[in-house]
N, C-alpha and C. Protein backbone atom coordinates (compact mmCIF):
# COMPACT_ATOMS: atom_id res chain seq x y z
N MET A 1 -7.13 -5.98 44.65
CA MET A 1 -6.82 -5.71 44.92
C MET A 1 -6.70 -4.46 45.54
N ILE A 2 -6.67 -3.85 44.63
CA ILE A 2 -7.00 -1.90 44.77
C ILE A 2 -8.11 -1.67 45.19
N ASP A 3 -9.28 -2.57 44.22
CA ASP A 3 -10.88 -1.92 44.69
C ASP A 3 -10.97 -1.81 46.30
N PRO A 4 -10.57 -3.18 46.70
CA PRO A 4 -11.13 -3.14 48.12
C PRO A 4 -10.37 -1.66 49.25
N ALA A 5 -9.53 -2.02 48.35
CA ALA A 5 -8.71 -0.88 48.95
C ALA A 5 -9.05 0.87 48.89
N VAL A 6 -9.74 1.33 47.96
CA VAL A 6 -9.96 2.12 47.63
C VAL A 6 -11.49 2.37 48.42
N THR A 7 -12.13 1.16 48.37
CA THR A 7 -13.37 1.38 48.64
C THR A 7 -13.47 0.74 50.95
N GLU A 8 -12.45 0.25 51.10
CA GLU A 8 -11.94 0.73 52.27
C GLU A 8 -11.66 2.15 53.19
N LEU A 9 -10.78 2.95 52.08
CA LEU A 9 -10.77 4.23 52.47
C LEU A 9 -11.70 5.29 52.29
N ALA A 10 -12.04 4.97 51.30
CA ALA A 10 -12.57 5.85 50.92
C ALA A 10 -14.27 6.76 51.99
N PRO A 11 -14.71 5.89 52.57
CA PRO A 11 -15.51 6.81 54.11
C PRO A 11 -14.92 7.49 55.06
N VAL A 12 -13.46 7.21 55.42
CA VAL A 12 -12.47 8.08 55.76
C VAL A 12 -12.07 9.81 55.23
N ILE A 13 -11.41 8.68 54.46
CA ILE A 13 -10.52 10.23 53.57
C ILE A 13 -11.73 10.44 52.11
N GLY A 14 -12.41 10.25 51.76
CA GLY A 14 -12.57 10.61 50.34
C GLY A 14 -12.36 9.47 49.21
N PHE A 15 -13.11 9.72 48.33
CA PHE A 15 -12.56 8.52 46.84
C PHE A 15 -11.27 9.37 46.27
N ARG A 16 -11.61 10.28 46.18
CA ARG A 16 -10.38 11.07 45.41
C ARG A 16 -9.01 10.58 45.96
N ARG A 17 -9.11 11.10 47.42
CA ARG A 17 -7.87 11.11 48.17
C ARG A 17 -7.48 9.53 48.15
N ALA A 18 -8.52 8.15 48.90
CA ALA A 18 -7.90 7.11 48.68
C ALA A 18 -7.71 6.57 47.15
N CYS A 19 -7.96 7.34 45.70
CA CYS A 19 -7.50 6.01 44.90
C CYS A 19 -5.82 7.24 44.60
N VAL A 20 -5.33 8.39 45.53
CA VAL A 20 -4.26 8.43 45.12
C VAL A 20 -3.47 7.84 46.04
N ALA A 21 -4.14 7.36 47.44
CA ALA A 21 -3.26 6.88 48.08
C ALA A 21 -2.66 5.13 47.45
N VAL A 22 -4.28 4.41 46.93
CA VAL A 22 -2.90 3.62 46.26
C VAL A 22 -2.74 3.31 45.37
N GLY A 23 -3.00 4.96 44.20
CA GLY A 23 -2.53 4.78 43.35
C GLY A 23 -3.24 4.33 41.73
N GLU A 24 -4.07 4.93 42.28
CA GLU A 24 -5.41 4.08 41.14
C GLU A 24 -5.44 5.61 40.58
N ALA A 25 -6.12 5.59 39.10
CA ALA A 25 -6.60 6.96 38.62
C ALA A 25 -8.09 7.07 39.04
N GLN A 26 -8.59 8.20 39.09
CA GLN A 26 -9.21 8.04 40.02
C GLN A 26 -10.56 7.99 38.44
N ALA A 27 -10.60 8.44 37.07
CA ALA A 27 -11.96 8.59 36.31
C ALA A 27 -11.63 6.44 35.93
N ARG A 28 -10.67 5.88 35.68
CA ARG A 28 -10.62 4.31 35.73
C ARG A 28 -11.67 4.30 36.75
N TRP A 29 -11.29 4.14 37.94
CA TRP A 29 -12.03 3.76 39.37
C TRP A 29 -13.24 3.64 38.91
N TYR A 30 -13.82 5.34 39.06
CA TYR A 30 -15.64 5.90 38.34
C TYR A 30 -16.02 4.72 37.44
N ARG A 31 -14.57 4.90 36.56
CA ARG A 31 -15.20 4.00 34.67
C ARG A 31 -15.78 2.27 35.30
N ARG A 32 -15.56 2.17 36.51
CA ARG A 32 -15.28 0.47 36.70
C ARG A 32 -16.34 0.42 37.57
N HIS A 33 -16.84 1.31 38.12
CA HIS A 33 -17.72 1.27 39.04
C HIS A 33 -18.99 1.81 38.74
N ARG A 34 -19.17 2.33 37.59
CA ARG A 34 -20.62 3.23 36.86
C ARG A 34 -21.38 2.40 37.45
N GLN A 35 -22.68 3.15 37.99
CA GLN A 35 -24.07 2.64 37.93
C GLN A 35 -25.23 2.66 36.63
N SER A 36 -24.46 3.66 36.02
CA SER A 36 -25.27 3.46 34.17
C SER A 36 -24.89 3.00 33.29
N PRO A 37 -25.72 2.73 32.71
CA PRO A 37 -24.81 1.76 31.59
C PRO A 37 -23.99 2.61 30.33
N THR A 38 -22.81 2.01 29.57
CA THR A 38 -22.28 3.05 28.91
C THR A 38 -22.76 3.84 27.59
N PRO A 39 -22.58 5.18 27.78
CA PRO A 39 -23.31 5.53 26.30
C PRO A 39 -23.09 5.11 25.39
N PRO A 40 -24.33 4.61 24.07
CA PRO A 40 -23.88 4.18 22.83
C PRO A 40 -22.88 5.07 21.97
N LYS A 41 -22.13 4.42 21.76
CA LYS A 41 -21.36 4.82 20.38
C LYS A 41 -22.08 5.38 18.92
N PRO A 42 -21.90 6.68 18.63
CA PRO A 42 -22.23 6.58 17.49
C PRO A 42 -21.53 5.84 16.54
N GLU A 43 -22.68 5.51 15.01
CA GLU A 43 -22.52 4.68 14.34
C GLU A 43 -22.05 5.91 13.60
N ARG A 44 -20.36 5.13 13.07
CA ARG A 44 -19.23 5.69 11.95
C ARG A 44 -19.38 5.68 10.45
N VAL A 45 -20.20 6.31 10.25
CA VAL A 45 -19.73 6.20 8.56
C VAL A 45 -18.97 6.98 7.65
N PRO A 46 -18.16 5.40 7.02
CA PRO A 46 -17.09 6.23 6.55
C PRO A 46 -17.03 7.42 5.33
N ALA A 47 -16.39 8.27 5.38
CA ALA A 47 -15.86 9.33 4.63
C ALA A 47 -15.76 8.76 3.27
N PRO A 48 -16.68 8.85 1.66
CA PRO A 48 -15.46 8.49 1.05
C PRO A 48 -13.98 9.32 0.84
N GLN A 49 -13.05 9.12 -0.12
CA GLN A 49 -11.83 8.85 -0.28
C GLN A 49 -12.26 10.48 -1.65
N PRO A 50 -11.54 11.37 -1.59
CA PRO A 50 -11.83 12.50 -2.34
C PRO A 50 -11.15 12.21 -3.85
N ARG A 51 -9.99 11.73 -3.63
CA ARG A 51 -9.30 11.26 -4.73
C ARG A 51 -9.74 9.84 -5.36
N ALA A 52 -10.58 9.47 -5.01
CA ALA A 52 -11.48 7.78 -5.54
C ALA A 52 -11.93 8.10 -6.73
N LEU A 53 -11.93 7.11 -7.46
CA LEU A 53 -12.10 7.21 -9.14
C LEU A 53 -13.61 6.67 -8.86
N SER A 54 -14.93 8.12 -9.90
CA SER A 54 -15.94 7.70 -10.08
C SER A 54 -16.23 6.40 -10.68
N GLU A 55 -17.10 5.89 -10.68
CA GLU A 55 -17.58 4.40 -11.55
C GLU A 55 -16.90 4.68 -12.72
N VAL A 56 -17.76 5.54 -13.62
CA VAL A 56 -17.58 5.90 -14.88
C VAL A 56 -15.82 5.40 -15.29
N GLU A 57 -15.15 5.94 -14.33
CA GLU A 57 -13.63 5.64 -14.41
C GLU A 57 -13.13 4.58 -14.49
N ARG A 58 -13.79 3.79 -13.15
CA ARG A 58 -13.74 2.75 -12.62
C ARG A 58 -13.69 1.99 -14.08
N LYS A 59 -14.55 1.83 -14.66
CA LYS A 59 -15.14 0.48 -15.47
C LYS A 59 -14.15 0.87 -16.90
N GLU A 60 -13.41 2.36 -17.17
CA GLU A 60 -12.15 2.59 -18.59
C GLU A 60 -11.47 2.31 -17.97
N LEU A 61 -11.01 1.92 -16.59
CA LEU A 61 -9.88 1.43 -16.71
C LEU A 61 -9.87 -0.22 -16.43
N ARG A 62 -10.86 -0.43 -16.33
CA ARG A 62 -10.91 -1.87 -15.83
C ARG A 62 -11.06 -2.39 -17.57
N ALA A 63 -11.68 -1.52 -18.71
CA ALA A 63 -11.99 -1.85 -20.05
C ALA A 63 -10.53 -2.04 -20.35
N VAL A 64 -9.76 -1.13 -19.97
CA VAL A 64 -8.19 -1.02 -20.50
C VAL A 64 -7.25 -2.24 -19.71
N LEU A 65 -7.42 -2.36 -18.66
CA LEU A 65 -6.63 -3.62 -18.01
C LEU A 65 -6.92 -4.95 -18.70
N ASN A 66 -8.41 -4.86 -19.42
CA ASN A 66 -8.01 -5.88 -19.50
C ASN A 66 -8.22 -6.24 -21.11
N SER A 67 -7.84 -5.37 -22.21
CA SER A 67 -7.92 -5.44 -22.97
C SER A 67 -6.31 -6.47 -23.39
N GLU A 68 -6.29 -6.47 -24.53
CA GLU A 68 -5.33 -7.00 -25.56
C GLU A 68 -3.54 -6.12 -25.23
N ALA A 69 -4.04 -4.32 -25.31
CA ALA A 69 -2.80 -4.20 -24.77
C ALA A 69 -2.47 -3.89 -23.35
N GLY A 70 -3.47 -3.64 -22.77
CA GLY A 70 -3.20 -3.64 -21.00
C GLY A 70 -2.88 -4.97 -20.51
N SER A 71 -3.23 -6.35 -21.39
CA SER A 71 -2.82 -7.16 -20.74
C SER A 71 -1.22 -8.01 -21.14
N GLY A 72 -0.89 -7.37 -22.01
CA GLY A 72 0.23 -8.03 -22.73
C GLY A 72 1.76 -7.05 -21.86
N ASN A 73 1.63 -6.08 -20.76
CA ASN A 73 2.79 -5.38 -20.68
C ASN A 73 2.93 -5.77 -19.07
N ARG A 74 3.74 -5.47 -18.44
CA ARG A 74 4.30 -5.83 -17.21
C ARG A 74 4.12 -5.37 -16.14
N CYS A 75 3.64 -3.64 -16.82
CA CYS A 75 3.45 -2.42 -15.65
C CYS A 75 2.70 -1.97 -16.38
N ALA A 76 1.35 -1.85 -15.68
CA ALA A 76 0.27 -1.21 -15.62
C ALA A 76 0.43 -0.06 -15.93
N SER A 77 1.03 1.13 -15.47
CA SER A 77 0.92 2.55 -16.02
C SER A 77 1.17 2.38 -17.49
N ARG A 78 2.09 1.28 -18.45
CA ARG A 78 2.57 1.05 -19.73
C ARG A 78 0.82 1.10 -20.07
N ALA A 79 -0.33 0.39 -19.77
CA ALA A 79 -1.78 0.20 -20.01
C ALA A 79 -2.26 1.55 -20.12
N ILE A 80 -2.23 2.58 -19.02
CA ILE A 80 -3.24 3.15 -18.89
C ILE A 80 -2.75 3.97 -19.36
N TYR A 81 -1.55 4.43 -18.98
CA TYR A 81 -0.82 6.00 -19.28
C TYR A 81 -1.88 6.64 -20.56
N PRO A 82 -1.03 5.57 -21.64
CA PRO A 82 -1.20 6.21 -23.07
C PRO A 82 -2.41 6.05 -22.88
N ALA A 83 -3.59 5.32 -22.98
CA ALA A 83 -4.97 4.93 -22.85
C ALA A 83 -5.74 6.53 -22.66
N PHE A 84 -4.79 6.95 -21.87
CA PHE A 84 -5.63 8.32 -20.68
C PHE A 84 -4.84 9.63 -21.29
N SER A 85 -3.74 9.90 -21.49
CA SER A 85 -3.18 10.74 -22.24
C SER A 85 -2.68 10.72 -23.48
N GLY A 86 -2.87 9.21 -24.48
CA GLY A 86 -2.47 9.89 -25.62
C GLY A 86 -0.77 9.92 -26.13
N GLN A 87 0.09 9.87 -24.45
CA GLN A 87 1.24 9.57 -24.78
C GLN A 87 1.91 8.46 -24.12
N SER A 88 2.96 8.49 -25.07
CA SER A 88 3.96 7.07 -24.17
C SER A 88 4.17 7.50 -22.46
N PRO A 89 4.12 6.13 -21.90
CA PRO A 89 4.43 6.42 -20.26
C PRO A 89 5.25 6.41 -19.71
N PRO A 90 5.72 7.62 -18.72
CA PRO A 90 7.19 7.41 -18.19
C PRO A 90 8.02 6.38 -17.46
N CYS A 91 7.21 5.45 -17.51
CA CYS A 91 7.49 4.58 -16.26
C CYS A 91 9.03 3.58 -17.68
N GLY A 92 9.65 3.69 -16.69
CA GLY A 92 10.88 2.34 -17.50
C GLY A 92 12.07 3.26 -18.08
N ARG A 93 12.00 4.73 -18.57
CA ARG A 93 12.40 5.42 -19.15
C ARG A 93 13.58 5.91 -18.62
N GLY A 94 15.16 5.49 -18.88
CA GLY A 94 15.83 6.23 -18.02
C GLY A 94 16.42 5.57 -16.70
N LEU A 95 15.37 5.17 -16.26
CA LEU A 95 15.21 4.37 -14.84
C LEU A 95 16.33 3.46 -14.77
N LYS A 96 17.14 3.21 -13.67
CA LYS A 96 18.24 1.64 -13.04
C LYS A 96 17.97 1.16 -12.13
N ARG A 97 17.75 0.33 -12.12
CA ARG A 97 17.61 -0.66 -10.72
C ARG A 97 19.13 -1.14 -10.28
N ALA A 98 19.40 -0.83 -9.33
CA ALA A 98 20.11 -0.92 -8.20
C ALA A 98 21.03 -2.49 -8.14
């Protein structure tokens, strides 16, 4: 309904004024009536997460979680924290649940 109105008014008052008169955005009208093909979008290469674990760290983590010490704990940090720091984990100490 808007396209025929713009094409009918354009020869008389021009495309810009015709788009304003019928309430059509000029850029949208030109995009829809483009003669050339749409430009190709560049292929997106995902950027690596800067804080992601390395392959070695991932293997160590899997080994800890799949070990006897890691499989018996309810909280994963109870298995991981001592394996990497040599200390007891901070989770569960003094924390009260509501």
